[in-house]
Protein backbone atom coordinates (compact mmCIF):
# COMPACT_ATOMS: atom_id res chain seq x y z
CA MET A 1 -15.03 -4.97 31.60
CA ILE A 2 -13.65 -2.27 29.31
CA ALA A 3 -10.13 -2.81 30.61
CA SER A 4 -10.10 -6.37 29.32
CA SER A 5 -11.76 -5.76 25.95
CA PRO A 6 -10.09 -7.52 22.98
CA THR A 7 -9.35 -4.23 21.23
CA LEU A 8 -7.62 -2.79 24.28
CA LEU A 9 -5.60 -5.97 24.78
CA VAL A 10 -4.42 -5.86 21.16
CA TRP A 11 -3.51 -2.19 21.54
CA ARG A 12 -1.53 -2.90 24.72
CA ARG A 13 0.39 -5.71 23.05
CA LEU A 14 1.11 -3.50 20.04
CA LEU A 15 2.53 -0.74 22.23
CA ARG A 16 4.86 -3.26 23.87
CA HIS A 17 6.50 -3.77 20.48
CA ARG A 18 8.87 -0.79 20.52
CA GLN A 19 9.67 -0.87 16.82
CA ALA A 20 5.99 -1.11 15.88
CA GLU A 21 5.15 1.78 18.21
CA LEU A 22 7.80 4.04 16.64
CA SER A 23 6.75 2.92 13.15
CA LEU A 24 3.11 3.73 13.85
CA ALA A 25 4.03 7.19 15.13
CA PHE A 26 6.17 7.84 12.04
CA LEU A 27 3.47 6.64 9.63
CA VAL A 28 0.75 8.69 11.32
CA LEU A 29 2.95 11.81 11.17
CA LEU A 30 3.81 11.15 7.53
CA LEU A 31 0.17 10.56 6.61
CA VAL A 32 -0.97 13.75 8.36
CA LEU A 33 1.71 15.82 6.63
CA ALA A 34 0.91 14.27 3.24
CA LEU A 35 -2.83 14.90 3.60
CA ALA A 36 -2.18 18.44 4.79
CA ALA A 37 0.26 19.17 1.93
CA PRO A 38 -2.09 21.55 0.04
CA LEU A 39 -2.80 23.49 3.23
CA ILE A 40 0.91 23.63 4.13
CA GLY A 41 1.76 24.88 0.65
CA GLU A 42 -0.94 27.55 0.86
CA MET A 43 0.31 28.69 4.26
CA ARG A 44 3.88 28.91 2.96
CA GLY A 45 2.75 30.61 -0.25
CA ILE A 46 4.38 27.94 -2.44
CA ASP A 47 2.99 26.11 -5.45
CA PRO A 48 4.90 22.81 -5.76
CA ALA A 49 4.14 22.61 -9.50
CA MET A 50 5.41 26.12 -10.26
CA THR A 51 8.76 26.09 -12.06
CA ASP A 52 11.36 28.85 -11.71
CA LEU A 53 14.58 28.19 -13.60
CA PHE A 54 16.25 31.16 -11.91
CA ARG A 55 15.96 29.31 -8.58
CA ARG A 56 16.98 25.82 -9.68
CA LEU A 57 19.12 23.72 -7.32
CA GLU A 58 19.08 26.28 -4.52
CA PRO A 59 20.31 25.12 -1.09
CA PRO A 60 17.97 24.92 1.92
CA SER A 61 16.79 28.31 3.13
CA ALA A 62 14.06 29.96 5.17
CA GLN A 63 11.85 30.01 2.07
CA TYR A 64 12.80 26.62 0.65
CA TRP A 65 13.29 24.33 3.64
CA LEU A 66 15.03 21.54 1.69
CA GLY A 67 16.08 23.61 -1.31
CA THR A 68 14.77 23.41 -4.86
CA ASP A 69 14.95 20.79 -7.61
CA GLU A 70 16.25 20.95 -11.16
CA LEU A 71 13.24 23.06 -12.25
CA GLY A 72 13.25 25.44 -9.28
CA ARG A 73 10.35 23.74 -7.48
CA ASP A 74 10.25 23.49 -3.68
CA LEU A 75 11.64 20.08 -2.74
CA PHE A 76 9.93 19.83 0.65
CA GLN A 77 6.51 20.53 -0.79
CA ARG A 78 6.99 18.05 -3.60
CA LEU A 79 8.05 15.38 -1.10
CA LEU A 80 4.76 15.88 0.72
CA ASP A 81 2.76 15.75 -2.51
CA GLY A 82 4.70 12.69 -3.66
CA GLY A 83 4.04 11.04 -0.30
CA ARG A 84 0.32 11.53 -0.72
CA ILE A 85 0.36 9.73 -4.06
CA SER A 86 2.76 6.97 -2.98
CA LEU A 87 0.84 6.29 0.24
CA LEU A 88 -2.48 6.35 -1.62
CA VAL A 89 -1.23 3.80 -4.15
CA GLY A 90 0.22 1.57 -1.42
CA ILE A 91 -2.76 1.68 0.95
CA ALA A 92 -5.51 1.58 -1.69
CA GLY A 93 -3.72 -1.14 -3.66
CA ALA A 94 -3.20 -3.24 -0.52
CA LEU A 95 -6.85 -2.89 0.51
CA LEU A 96 -8.08 -3.77 -2.98
CA SER A 97 -5.70 -6.75 -3.09
CA ALA A 98 -6.94 -7.88 0.33
CA VAL A 99 -10.58 -7.73 -0.74
CA LEU A 100 -9.94 -9.60 -3.99
CA GLY A 101 -7.70 -12.19 -2.33
CA ALA A 102 -10.10 -12.69 0.58
CA VAL A 103 -13.05 -13.39 -1.73
CA ILE A 104 -11.06 -15.85 -3.84
CA GLY A 105 -9.55 -17.54 -0.79
CA VAL A 106 -12.75 -17.97 1.18
CA VAL A 107 -14.66 -19.29 -1.86
CA ALA A 108 -11.88 -21.76 -2.69
CA GLY A 109 -11.52 -22.96 0.89
CA TYR A 110 -15.22 -23.27 1.65
CA PHE A 111 -16.44 -25.04 -1.48
CA GLY A 112 -13.28 -27.06 -2.17
CA GLY A 113 -13.23 -29.60 -4.99
CA ARG A 114 -12.73 -28.51 -8.57
CA LEU A 115 -13.45 -24.87 -7.81
CA ASP A 116 -10.71 -24.87 -5.21
CA SER A 117 -8.28 -26.51 -7.63
CA LEU A 118 -9.14 -24.03 -10.40
CA LEU A 119 -8.74 -20.95 -8.19
CA MET A 120 -5.52 -22.18 -6.61
CA ARG A 121 -3.99 -23.03 -9.99
CA LEU A 122 -4.91 -19.51 -11.09
CA THR A 123 -3.19 -18.20 -7.97
CA ASP A 124 -0.11 -20.32 -8.62
CA GLY A 125 -0.03 -19.08 -12.21
CA VAL A 126 -0.06 -15.42 -11.13
CA ILE A 127 2.66 -16.12 -8.56
CA ALA A 128 4.80 -17.85 -11.20
CA LEU A 129 4.70 -14.84 -13.53
CA PRO A 130 7.76 -12.54 -13.38
CA LEU A 131 6.33 -9.61 -11.45
CA LEU A 132 8.30 -6.62 -12.71
CA PRO A 133 8.10 -7.46 -16.45
CA LEU A 134 4.37 -8.12 -16.02
CA LEU A 135 3.86 -4.75 -14.33
CA ILE A 136 5.86 -3.00 -17.04
CA VAL A 137 3.74 -4.60 -19.77
CA LEU A 138 0.48 -3.71 -18.04
CA ALA A 139 1.61 -0.14 -17.32
CA ALA A 140 2.84 0.35 -20.90
CA VAL A 141 -0.55 -0.50 -22.47
CA ASP A 142 -2.01 2.60 -24.12
CA PRO A 143 -5.52 3.02 -22.64
CA ARG A 144 -6.64 4.93 -25.74
CA LYS A 145 -6.30 1.72 -27.75
CA LEU A 146 -8.75 0.09 -25.32
CA GLY A 147 -11.46 2.59 -26.24
CA ILE A 148 -10.93 5.03 -23.37
CA PRO A 149 -11.37 8.68 -24.45
CA PRO A 150 -8.05 10.56 -24.78
CA GLY A 151 -9.15 13.24 -22.31
CA ILE A 152 -9.65 10.63 -19.59
CA ALA A 153 -6.69 8.46 -20.56
CA GLN A 154 -4.23 11.36 -20.26
CA SER A 155 -5.56 12.71 -16.96
CA GLU A 156 -3.58 12.46 -13.72
CA THR A 157 -6.54 10.86 -11.94
CA PHE A 158 -6.82 8.03 -14.46
CA SER A 159 -3.06 7.43 -14.30
CA LEU A 160 -3.28 7.11 -10.52
CA TYR A 161 -6.27 4.74 -10.60
CA ARG A 162 -4.60 2.63 -13.27
CA ILE A 163 -1.49 2.15 -11.12
CA ILE A 164 -3.66 1.17 -8.13
CA ALA A 165 -5.53 -1.37 -10.26
CA ILE A 166 -2.30 -2.80 -11.71
CA VAL A 167 -0.61 -3.34 -8.35
CA ALA A 168 -3.83 -4.81 -6.92
CA LEU A 169 -4.23 -7.28 -9.78
CA THR A 170 -0.77 -8.67 -9.09
CA GLY A 171 -0.80 -8.47 -5.29
CA TRP A 172 -3.86 -10.49 -4.24
CA THR A 173 -2.24 -13.93 -4.25
CA THR A 174 -0.81 -13.81 -0.71
CA ALA A 175 -4.17 -12.84 0.76
CA ALA A 176 -5.94 -15.57 -1.24
CA ARG A 177 -3.65 -18.35 -0.04
CA LEU A 178 -3.76 -17.10 3.54
CA VAL A 179 -7.56 -16.83 3.68
CA ARG A 180 -7.98 -20.22 2.01
CA ALA A 181 -5.82 -21.85 4.68
CA GLU A 182 -7.79 -20.11 7.44
CA THR A 183 -11.07 -21.14 5.81
CA LEU A 184 -10.05 -24.80 5.63
CA SER A 185 -9.39 -24.66 9.37
CA LEU A 186 -12.47 -22.65 10.34
CA LYS A 187 -15.12 -24.45 8.29
CA GLY A 188 -14.75 -27.53 10.48
CA ARG A 189 -15.24 -25.59 13.74
CA ASP A 190 -18.36 -25.94 15.84
CA PHE A 191 -19.68 -22.43 15.16
CA THR A 192 -19.56 -23.05 11.39
CA ARG A 193 -21.33 -26.39 11.71
CA ALA A 194 -23.95 -24.79 13.98
CA ALA A 195 -24.62 -22.10 11.34
CA GLN A 196 -24.99 -24.80 8.69
CA ALA A 197 -27.37 -26.77 10.92
CA LEU A 198 -29.51 -23.66 11.40
CA GLY A 199 -29.87 -23.33 7.63
CA ALA A 200 -27.53 -20.41 7.01
CA ARG A 201 -26.59 -19.95 3.37
CA PRO A 202 -23.00 -20.41 2.23
CA LEU A 203 -22.53 -16.70 1.52
CA ARG A 204 -23.65 -15.79 5.04
CA ILE A 205 -21.37 -18.41 6.59
CA MET A 206 -18.38 -17.29 4.53
CA PHE A 207 -18.73 -13.56 5.04
CA ARG A 208 -20.39 -13.44 8.45
CA HIS A 209 -18.67 -16.26 10.32
CA ILE A 210 -15.46 -17.33 8.56
CA LEU A 211 -13.94 -14.11 7.23
CA PRO A 212 -14.25 -12.15 10.51
CA ASN A 213 -12.35 -14.94 12.28
CA ALA A 214 -9.63 -14.81 9.60
CA ALA A 215 -9.40 -11.01 9.77
CA GLY A 216 -6.39 -10.96 12.10
CA SER A 217 -4.07 -12.74 9.70
CA LEU A 218 -5.47 -10.77 6.77
CA VAL A 219 -4.81 -7.43 8.53
CA VAL A 220 -1.20 -8.40 9.19
CA ALA A 221 -0.64 -9.52 5.59
CA THR A 222 -2.29 -6.37 4.22
CA THR A 223 -0.20 -4.09 6.42
CA MET A 224 3.04 -5.76 5.36
CA SER A 225 2.07 -5.66 1.68
CA ILE A 226 1.68 -1.86 1.68
CA GLY A 227 5.44 -1.40 1.74
CA SER A 228 5.90 -3.78 -1.18
CA LEU A 229 3.28 -1.95 -3.23
CA ILE A 230 4.90 1.42 -2.50
CA LEU A 231 8.14 -0.04 -3.83
CA LEU A 232 6.36 -1.29 -6.96
CA GLU A 233 4.78 2.10 -7.58
CA SER A 234 8.14 3.80 -7.09
CA THR A 235 9.76 1.38 -9.53
CA LEU A 236 7.13 2.01 -12.20
CA SER A 237 7.33 5.77 -11.70
CA PHE A 238 11.12 5.62 -11.85
CA LEU A 239 10.83 3.83 -15.20
CA GLY A 240 8.39 6.47 -16.45
CA LEU A 241 5.38 4.11 -16.44
CA GLY A 242 3.75 5.18 -13.18
CA THR A 243 2.70 8.60 -11.95
CA GLN A 244 3.38 11.09 -14.73
CA PRO A 245 4.88 14.59 -14.24
CA PRO A 246 4.03 17.25 -13.27
CA ALA A 247 2.34 15.19 -10.54
CA ALA A 248 4.92 14.17 -7.96
CA SER A 249 5.62 10.75 -6.51
CA TRP A 250 8.74 9.55 -4.76
CA GLY A 251 9.52 7.29 -7.71
CA ASN A 252 9.43 9.94 -10.42
CA MET A 253 11.32 12.34 -8.14
CA LEU A 254 14.11 9.75 -8.07
CA ALA A 255 13.92 9.46 -11.84
CA GLY A 256 14.29 13.22 -12.22
CA ALA A 257 17.29 13.27 -9.87
CA GLN A 258 19.31 10.47 -11.45
CA ASP A 259 21.16 12.79 -13.85
CA LEU A 260 22.07 15.19 -11.03
CA LEU A 261 23.59 12.81 -8.50
CA ARG A 262 26.97 14.55 -8.64
CA ASP A 263 25.71 18.16 -8.59
CA ALA A 264 22.71 17.76 -6.26
CA PRO A 265 22.71 14.35 -4.55
CA MET A 266 20.07 15.38 -1.99
CA LEU A 267 17.44 15.40 -4.75
CA ALA A 268 17.75 11.60 -4.75
CA VAL A 269 18.54 11.13 -1.07
CA TRP A 270 15.31 12.60 0.30
CA PRO A 271 12.76 10.60 -1.75
CA GLY A 272 14.92 7.47 -1.47
CA LEU A 273 15.14 7.88 2.30
CA LEU A 274 11.38 8.35 2.61
CA ILE A 275 10.71 5.23 0.53
CA PHE A 276 13.14 3.26 2.70
CA LEU A 277 11.73 4.50 6.02
CA THR A 278 8.11 4.02 4.95
CA VAL A 279 8.64 0.46 3.75
CA ILE A 280 10.58 -0.45 6.90
CA ALA A 281 7.91 1.18 9.09
CA PHE A 282 5.08 -0.81 7.49
CA ASN A 283 7.08 -4.02 7.90
CA PHE A 284 7.76 -3.31 11.58
CA LEU A 285 4.09 -2.41 12.08
CA GLY A 286 3.07 -5.68 10.47
CA ASP A 287 5.39 -7.59 12.81
CA GLY A 288 3.89 -5.78 15.78
CA LEU A 289 0.34 -6.50 14.67
CA GLN A 290 1.18 -10.16 14.17
CA GLU A 291 2.40 -10.36 17.75
CA ALA A 292 -0.45 -8.25 19.12
CA LEU A 293 -3.16 -10.32 17.46
CA ASP A 294 -1.69 -13.59 18.76
CA PRO A 295 -3.13 -14.32 22.24
CA ARG A 296 -0.11 -16.47 23.05
CA SER A 297 2.07 -13.35 22.91
CA GLU A 298 0.54 -11.90 26.09
CA ARG A 299 3.36 -11.30 28.55
CA ARG A 300 3.24 -10.42 32.18
CA PRO A 301 4.72 -7.00 32.96
């Protein structure tokens, strides 16, 4: 029956987790506002990249809902634009990390032996590296010295894709270890042995039978990693190695506000508050998903 479908049961369990429910509502609202930022700016007649030094550091008003920044730009509109970039980096980086980690984990767990040892030592090596210094080194590499044309290397799009790739290359280890553990458990189950007896190839068994059964844990880990990746992107942007102005992200908005904490503290409060709430919301949502995807969490009303 539809009422007892697995998807509906998971959804019901998720809604019982009050913090996850509120976090999901907040994240959906934030995502909608961030995606609609260009339309909102057009409706308000405001260009978030347009500077006006005669209107710098203005207080909130009917025209500028949260006031203006140190260059006279609308703070509310830049928060929405910065949210679009920060959320894109976090979500895209988490998904890319999940795909990379899932492939490495399922291959290591299924084949075992020397391949498993090699891949897990690689994973341990990446985990052992100091994360922030590694990210700073990777972000500081001049792409023009790698043969990338200057026009592409200096574009906002390339800068965004580079940050996504950097955070993904350092964030796949959790997914790899998790999927490997699930694979070690699942490859001895009856359905896996039946597929092997029917002559299914290893690739089909791994990606058709094992990975779908490990998807629940992977979804939870991916959701909880989004907040961490948003923090990493904000840190790199704050240090001037992430999203480059005039493009806005919450991290570089904090960097621009650090010299004005006494005169205009709200320039730092708003992006900092959004980073805090978004990271907390993804963590609460991950906790709720972990409980919802566990059949043992079903409670009688």
